[in-house]
Structure formats: C-alpha cells, structure tokens
Amino acid sequence: MADLEARGIPTVGVATTEFIEGAAAGAKSLGIDPALVFVRHPIQDRTDDELKQLADDHFEAILALMVQE
C-alpha cells in the first residue's frame, strides 16, 4: 500500500476485525498510516450474496478514504 500511495495511487486496505491489532502493529513498524476499513469477521464462509452486501455496506467508507486528500 505504501508503495502505491508513494506513486500517487490512492489505496484503501480492507480486512476483517480480527486483524485490527496486527494492522496497527504492522503500520507502526513501517512508519505508515494506511487508510483501512475493517469488516466483521469471518468472511470465508459467507455466500456470494453476503459478500456483495458487505461490499455495499462499506462502499461509502472506502470511497471516502480513496478521495481524501
């Protein structure tokens, strides 16, 4: 993500809530402040329709971070 951002490509990471602490630790160790959106865990057992709804539910938050300056 940091590489893409450095090249001017807006980036937002999406992960489940299970990875909040890991994402914070990783960002701190790399000295970055990535744009992240966390969704309810787990996702691996969700149906296609449930995943589409999850994407729809978080679309606005992701878009807002993509266009943030």
PDB file of N, CA and C in Angstrom:
ATOM      1  N   MET A   1       0.817  -1.183   0.000  1.00  0.00           N
ATOM      2  CA  MET A   1       0.000   0.000   0.000  1.00  0.00           C
ATOM      3  C   MET A   1       0.864   1.251   0.000  1.00  0.00           C
ATOM      4  N   ALA A   2       1.889   1.254   0.809  1.00  0.00           N
ATOM      5  CA  ALA A   2       2.747   2.442   0.895  1.00  0.00           C
ATOM      6  C   ALA A   2       3.390   2.744  -0.449  1.00  0.00           C
ATOM      7  N   ASP A   3       3.784   1.698  -1.176  1.00  0.00           N
ATOM      8  CA  ASP A   3       4.401   1.889  -2.487  1.00  0.00           C
ATOM      9  C   ASP A   3       3.410   2.505  -3.468  1.00  0.00           C
ATOM     10  N   LEU A   4       2.198   2.017  -3.476  1.00  0.00           N
ATOM     11  CA  LEU A   4       1.178   2.572  -4.367  1.00  0.00           C
ATOM     12  C   LEU A   4       0.891   4.029  -4.024  1.00  0.00           C
ATOM     13  N   GLU A   5       0.727   4.309  -2.749  1.00  0.00           N
ATOM     14  CA  GLU A   5       0.471   5.682  -2.308  1.00  0.00           C
ATOM     15  C   GLU A   5       1.619   6.604  -2.694  1.00  0.00           C
ATOM     16  N   ALA A   6       2.849   6.128  -2.550  1.00  0.00           N
ATOM     17  CA  ALA A   6       4.018   6.938  -2.912  1.00  0.00           C
ATOM     18  C   ALA A   6       4.026   7.270  -4.398  1.00  0.00           C
ATOM     19  N   ARG A   7       3.396   6.426  -5.200  1.00  0.00           N
ATOM     20  CA  ARG A   7       3.312   6.656  -6.642  1.00  0.00           C
ATOM     21  C   ARG A   7       2.050   7.416  -7.035  1.00  0.00           C
ATOM     22  N   GLY A   8       1.315   7.897  -6.024  1.00  0.00           N
ATOM     23  CA  GLY A   8       0.127   8.693  -6.296  1.00  0.00           C
ATOM     24  C   GLY A   8      -1.120   7.890  -6.583  1.00  0.00           C
ATOM     25  N   ILE A   9      -1.118   6.617  -6.235  1.00  0.00           N
ATOM     26  CA  ILE A   9      -2.277   5.756  -6.468  1.00  0.00           C
ATOM     27  C   ILE A   9      -3.016   5.585  -5.143  1.00  0.00           C
ATOM     28  N   PRO A  10      -4.198   6.186  -5.020  1.00  0.00           N
ATOM     29  CA  PRO A  10      -4.944   6.062  -3.764  1.00  0.00           C
ATOM     30  C   PRO A  10      -5.223   4.595  -3.439  1.00  0.00           C
ATOM     31  N   THR A  11      -5.068   4.247  -2.182  1.00  0.00           N
ATOM     32  CA  THR A  11      -5.183   2.860  -1.760  1.00  0.00           C
ATOM     33  C   THR A  11      -5.930   2.769  -0.438  1.00  0.00           C
ATOM     34  N   VAL A  12      -6.824   1.805  -0.335  1.00  0.00           N
ATOM     35  CA  VAL A  12      -7.518   1.524   0.917  1.00  0.00           C
ATOM     36  C   VAL A  12      -7.457   0.023   1.149  1.00  0.00           C
ATOM     37  N   GLY A  13      -6.976  -0.359   2.319  1.00  0.00           N
ATOM     38  CA  GLY A  13      -6.938  -1.764   2.680  1.00  0.00           C
ATOM     39  C   GLY A  13      -8.242  -2.176   3.338  1.00  0.00           C
ATOM     40  N   VAL A  14      -8.687  -3.372   3.038  1.00  0.00           N
ATOM     41  CA  VAL A  14      -9.903  -3.911   3.657  1.00  0.00           C
ATOM     42  C   VAL A  14      -9.530  -5.237   4.310  1.00  0.00           C
ATOM     43  N   ALA A  15      -9.846  -5.353   5.587  1.00  0.00           N
ATOM     44  CA  ALA A  15      -9.550  -6.574   6.332  1.00  0.00           C
ATOM     45  C   ALA A  15     -10.664  -6.798   7.347  1.00  0.00           C
ATOM     46  N   THR A  16     -10.665  -7.962   7.947  1.00  0.00           N
ATOM     47  CA  THR A  16     -11.674  -8.222   8.969  1.00  0.00           C
ATOM     48  C   THR A  16     -11.192  -7.708  10.317  1.00  0.00           C
ATOM     49  N   THR A  17     -12.143  -7.564  11.221  1.00  0.00           N
ATOM     50  CA  THR A  17     -11.856  -7.035  12.554  1.00  0.00           C
ATOM     51  C   THR A  17     -10.839  -7.886  13.316  1.00  0.00           C
ATOM     52  N   GLU A  18     -10.667  -9.112  12.900  1.00  0.00           N
ATOM     53  CA  GLU A  18      -9.677  -9.990  13.538  1.00  0.00           C
ATOM     54  C   GLU A  18      -8.264  -9.441  13.375  1.00  0.00           C
ATOM     55  N   PHE A  19      -8.051  -8.579  12.386  1.00  0.00           N
ATOM     56  CA  PHE A  19      -6.713  -8.102  12.060  1.00  0.00           C
ATOM     57  C   PHE A  19      -6.456  -6.650  12.444  1.00  0.00           C
ATOM     58  N   ILE A  20      -7.303  -6.067  13.269  1.00  0.00           N
ATOM     59  CA  ILE A  20      -7.125  -4.670  13.675  1.00  0.00           C
ATOM     60  C   ILE A  20      -5.787  -4.466  14.374  1.00  0.00           C
ATOM     61  N   GLU A  21      -5.508  -5.276  15.374  1.00  0.00           N
ATOM     62  CA  GLU A  21      -4.253  -5.108  16.121  1.00  0.00           C
ATOM     63  C   GLU A  21      -3.042  -5.384  15.243  1.00  0.00           C
ATOM     64  N   GLY A  22      -3.108  -6.411  14.414  1.00  0.00           N
ATOM     65  CA  GLY A  22      -1.997  -6.737  13.524  1.00  0.00           C
ATOM     66  C   GLY A  22      -1.736  -5.631  12.522  1.00  0.00           C
ATOM     67  N   ALA A  23      -2.805  -5.048  12.001  1.00  0.00           N
ATOM     68  CA  ALA A  23      -2.652  -3.951  11.043  1.00  0.00           C
ATOM     69  C   ALA A  23      -2.012  -2.737  11.713  1.00  0.00           C
ATOM     70  N   ALA A  24      -2.425  -2.446  12.930  1.00  0.00           N
ATOM     71  CA  ALA A  24      -1.845  -1.314  13.659  1.00  0.00           C
ATOM     72  C   ALA A  24      -0.364  -1.552  13.943  1.00  0.00           C
ATOM     73  N   ALA A  25      -0.025  -2.754  14.354  1.00  0.00           N
ATOM     74  CA  ALA A  25       1.377  -3.075  14.637  1.00  0.00           C
ATOM     75  C   ALA A  25       2.217  -3.005  13.366  1.00  0.00           C
ATOM     76  N   GLY A  26       1.692  -3.538  12.278  1.00  0.00           N
ATOM     77  CA  GLY A  26       2.425  -3.511  11.014  1.00  0.00           C
ATOM     78  C   GLY A  26       2.631  -2.091  10.513  1.00  0.00           C
ATOM     79  N   ALA A  27       1.606  -1.272  10.602  1.00  0.00           N
ATOM     80  CA  ALA A  27       1.717   0.122  10.165  1.00  0.00           C
ATOM     81  C   ALA A  27       2.732   0.879  11.007  1.00  0.00           C
ATOM     82  N   LYS A  28       2.680   0.650  12.308  1.00  0.00           N
ATOM     83  CA  LYS A  28       3.626   1.326  13.197  1.00  0.00           C
ATOM     84  C   LYS A  28       5.057   0.917  12.874  1.00  0.00           C
ATOM     85  N   SER A  29       5.286  -0.365  12.654  1.00  0.00           N
ATOM     86  CA  SER A  29       6.650  -0.834  12.380  1.00  0.00           C
ATOM     87  C   SER A  29       7.170  -0.306  11.047  1.00  0.00           C
ATOM     88  N   LEU A  30       6.267  -0.033  10.106  1.00  0.00           N
ATOM     89  CA  LEU A  30       6.670   0.504   8.806  1.00  0.00           C
ATOM     90  C   LEU A  30       6.664   2.031   8.770  1.00  0.00           C
ATOM     91  N   GLY A  31       6.141   2.631   9.834  1.00  0.00           N
ATOM     92  CA  GLY A  31       6.084   4.087   9.892  1.00  0.00           C
ATOM     93  C   GLY A  31       5.090   4.682   8.912  1.00  0.00           C
ATOM     94  N   ILE A  32       3.982   3.982   8.701  1.00  0.00           N
ATOM     95  CA  ILE A  32       2.963   4.466   7.771  1.00  0.00           C
ATOM     96  C   ILE A  32       1.620   4.581   8.490  1.00  0.00           C
ATOM     97  N   ASP A  33       0.716   5.305   7.873  1.00  0.00           N
ATOM     98  CA  ASP A  33      -0.633   5.466   8.404  1.00  0.00           C
ATOM     99  C   ASP A  33      -1.610   5.144   7.281  1.00  0.00           C
ATOM    100  N   PRO A  34      -1.798   3.851   7.000  1.00  0.00           N
ATOM    101  CA  PRO A  34      -2.619   3.467   5.853  1.00  0.00           C
ATOM    102  C   PRO A  34      -4.108   3.712   6.083  1.00  0.00           C
ATOM    103  N   ALA A  35      -4.811   3.923   4.993  1.00  0.00           N
ATOM    104  CA  ALA A  35      -6.268   4.008   5.047  1.00  0.00           C
ATOM    105  C   ALA A  35      -6.790   2.577   5.108  1.00  0.00           C
ATOM    106  N   LEU A  36      -7.544   2.274   6.148  1.00  0.00           N
ATOM    107  CA  LEU A  36      -8.035   0.913   6.346  1.00  0.00           C
ATOM    108  C   LEU A  36      -9.514   0.917   6.691  1.00  0.00           C
ATOM    109  N   VAL A  37     -10.203  -0.074   6.199  1.00  0.00           N
ATOM    110  CA  VAL A  37     -11.599  -0.312   6.559  1.00  0.00           C
ATOM    111  C   VAL A  37     -11.674  -1.748   7.054  1.00  0.00           C
ATOM    112  N   PHE A  38     -12.300  -1.924   8.209  1.00  0.00           N
ATOM    113  CA  PHE A  38     -12.434  -3.261   8.789  1.00  0.00           C
ATOM    114  C   PHE A  38     -13.884  -3.716   8.732  1.00  0.00           C
ATOM    115  N   VAL A  39     -14.069  -4.951   8.314  1.00  0.00           N
ATOM    116  CA  VAL A  39     -15.397  -5.550   8.224  1.00  0.00           C
ATOM    117  C   VAL A  39     -15.497  -6.680   9.246  1.00  0.00           C
ATOM    118  N   ARG A  40     -16.730  -7.044   9.543  1.00  0.00           N
ATOM    119  CA  ARG A  40     -16.966  -8.087  10.551  1.00  0.00           C
ATOM    120  C   ARG A  40     -16.321  -9.414  10.134  1.00  0.00           C
ATOM    121  N   HIS A  41     -15.705 -10.070  11.083  1.00  0.00           N
ATOM    122  CA  HIS A  41     -15.014 -11.356  10.893  1.00  0.00           C
ATOM    123  C   HIS A  41     -15.991 -12.476  11.254  1.00  0.00           C
ATOM    124  N   PRO A  42     -15.930 -13.598  10.611  1.00  0.00           N
ATOM    125  CA  PRO A  42     -15.098 -14.007   9.476  1.00  0.00           C
ATOM    126  C   PRO A  42     -15.817 -13.745   8.151  1.00  0.00           C
ATOM    127  N   ILE A  43     -15.080 -13.900   7.053  1.00  0.00           N
ATOM    128  CA  ILE A  43     -15.712 -13.747   5.747  1.00  0.00           C
ATOM    129  C   ILE A  43     -15.642 -15.019   4.907  1.00  0.00           C
ATOM    130  N   GLN A  44     -14.785 -15.957   5.267  1.00  0.00           N
ATOM    131  CA  GLN A  44     -14.554 -17.124   4.396  1.00  0.00           C
ATOM    132  C   GLN A  44     -15.784 -17.997   4.192  1.00  0.00           C
ATOM    133  N   ASP A  45     -16.732 -17.985   5.125  1.00  0.00           N
ATOM    134  CA  ASP A  45     -17.909 -18.839   4.989  1.00  0.00           C
ATOM    135  C   ASP A  45     -19.128 -18.107   4.429  1.00  0.00           C
ATOM    136  N   ARG A  46     -18.948 -16.883   3.998  1.00  0.00           N
ATOM    137  CA  ARG A  46     -20.085 -16.100   3.512  1.00  0.00           C
ATOM    138  C   ARG A  46     -20.436 -16.464   2.080  1.00  0.00           C
ATOM    139  N   THR A  47     -21.707 -16.342   1.778  1.00  0.00           N
ATOM    140  CA  THR A  47     -22.176 -16.594   0.415  1.00  0.00           C
ATOM    141  C   THR A  47     -21.804 -15.408  -0.477  1.00  0.00           C
ATOM    142  N   ASP A  48     -21.927 -15.598  -1.777  1.00  0.00           N
ATOM    143  CA  ASP A  48     -21.661 -14.503  -2.711  1.00  0.00           C
ATOM    144  C   ASP A  48     -22.570 -13.312  -2.418  1.00  0.00           C
ATOM    145  N   ASP A  49     -23.823 -13.585  -2.139  1.00  0.00           N
ATOM    146  CA  ASP A  49     -24.762 -12.501  -1.833  1.00  0.00           C
ATOM    147  C   ASP A  49     -24.369 -11.756  -0.561  1.00  0.00           C
ATOM    148  N   GLU A  50     -23.919 -12.487   0.440  1.00  0.00           N
ATOM    149  CA  GLU A  50     -23.483 -11.853   1.686  1.00  0.00           C
ATOM    150  C   GLU A  50     -22.238 -10.994   1.450  1.00  0.00           C
ATOM    151  N   LEU A  51     -21.317 -11.471   0.624  1.00  0.00           N
ATOM    152  CA  LEU A  51     -20.114 -10.697   0.319  1.00  0.00           C
ATOM    153  C   LEU A  51     -20.457  -9.442  -0.469  1.00  0.00           C
ATOM    154  N   LYS A  52     -21.397  -9.551  -1.405  1.00  0.00           N
ATOM    155  CA  LYS A  52     -21.845  -8.369  -2.151  1.00  0.00           C
ATOM    156  C   LYS A  52     -22.473  -7.353  -1.208  1.00  0.00           C
ATOM    157  N   GLN A  53     -23.269  -7.816  -0.259  1.00  0.00           N
ATOM    158  CA  GLN A  53     -23.884  -6.911   0.705  1.00  0.00           C
ATOM    159  C   GLN A  53     -22.823  -6.257   1.586  1.00  0.00           C
ATOM    160  N   LEU A  54     -21.834  -7.026   1.992  1.00  0.00           N
ATOM    161  CA  LEU A  54     -20.737  -6.490   2.792  1.00  0.00           C
ATOM    162  C   LEU A  54     -20.011  -5.383   2.032  1.00  0.00           C
ATOM    163  N   ALA A  55     -19.751  -5.610   0.755  1.00  0.00           N
ATOM    164  CA  ALA A  55     -19.105  -4.593  -0.079  1.00  0.00           C
ATOM    165  C   ALA A  55     -19.991  -3.357  -0.192  1.00  0.00           C
ATOM    166  N   ASP A  56     -21.265  -3.561  -0.413  1.00  0.00           N
ATOM    167  CA  ASP A  56     -22.197  -2.433  -0.499  1.00  0.00           C
ATOM    168  C   ASP A  56     -22.237  -1.647   0.810  1.00  0.00           C
ATOM    169  N   ASP A  57     -22.240  -2.360   1.931  1.00  0.00           N
ATOM    170  CA  ASP A  57     -22.314  -1.721   3.247  1.00  0.00           C
ATOM    171  C   ASP A  57     -21.096  -0.848   3.538  1.00  0.00           C
ATOM    172  N   HIS A  58     -19.948  -1.185   2.966  1.00  0.00           N
ATOM    173  CA  HIS A  58     -18.708  -0.452   3.269  1.00  0.00           C
ATOM    174  C   HIS A  58     -18.203   0.407   2.113  1.00  0.00           C
ATOM    175  N   PHE A  59     -18.946   0.408   1.018  1.00  0.00           N
ATOM    176  CA  PHE A  59     -18.518   1.143  -0.165  1.00  0.00           C
ATOM    177  C   PHE A  59     -18.277   2.625   0.116  1.00  0.00           C
ATOM    178  N   GLU A  60     -19.199   3.269   0.793  1.00  0.00           N
ATOM    179  CA  GLU A  60     -19.076   4.713   1.064  1.00  0.00           C
ATOM    180  C   GLU A  60     -17.834   5.022   1.893  1.00  0.00           C
ATOM    181  N   ALA A  61     -17.553   4.211   2.899  1.00  0.00           N
ATOM    182  CA  ALA A  61     -16.371   4.439   3.735  1.00  0.00           C
ATOM    183  C   ALA A  61     -15.095   4.260   2.928  1.00  0.00           C
ATOM    184  N   ILE A  62     -15.067   3.253   2.074  1.00  0.00           N
ATOM    185  CA  ILE A  62     -13.892   3.008   1.229  1.00  0.00           C
ATOM    186  C   ILE A  62     -13.703   4.156   0.244  1.00  0.00           C
ATOM    187  N   LEU A  63     -14.774   4.561  -0.405  1.00  0.00           N
ATOM    188  CA  LEU A  63     -14.702   5.660  -1.365  1.00  0.00           C
ATOM    189  C   LEU A  63     -14.249   6.953  -0.694  1.00  0.00           C
ATOM    190  N   ALA A  64     -14.778   7.234   0.481  1.00  0.00           N
ATOM    191  CA  ALA A  64     -14.382   8.449   1.207  1.00  0.00           C
ATOM    192  C   ALA A  64     -12.885   8.466   1.480  1.00  0.00           C
ATOM    193  N   LEU A  65     -12.327   7.328   1.843  1.00  0.00           N
ATOM    194  CA  LEU A  65     -10.879   7.258   2.090  1.00  0.00           C
ATOM    195  C   LEU A  65     -10.090   7.358   0.790  1.00  0.00           C
ATOM    196  N   MET A  66     -10.641   6.868  -0.302  1.00  0.00           N
ATOM    197  CA  MET A  66      -9.939   6.919  -1.601  1.00  0.00           C
ATOM    198  C   MET A  66      -9.788   8.347  -2.093  1.00  0.00           C
ATOM    199  N   VAL A  67     -10.764   9.189  -1.828  1.00  0.00           N
ATOM    200  CA  VAL A  67     -10.734  10.552  -2.359  1.00  0.00           C
ATOM    201  C   VAL A  67     -10.249  11.582  -1.345  1.00  0.00           C
ATOM    202  N   GLN A  68      -9.916  11.125  -0.161  1.00  0.00           N
ATOM    203  CA  GLN A  68      -9.418  12.009   0.888  1.00  0.00           C
ATOM    204  C   GLN A  68      -8.048  12.547   0.507  1.00  0.00           C
ATOM    205  N   GLU A  69      -7.836  13.829   0.731  1.00  0.00           N
ATOM    206  CA  GLU A  69      -6.523  14.401   0.397  1.00  0.00           C
ATOM    207  C   GLU A  69      -5.724  14.703   1.619  1.00  0.00           C
TER     208      GLU A  69
END
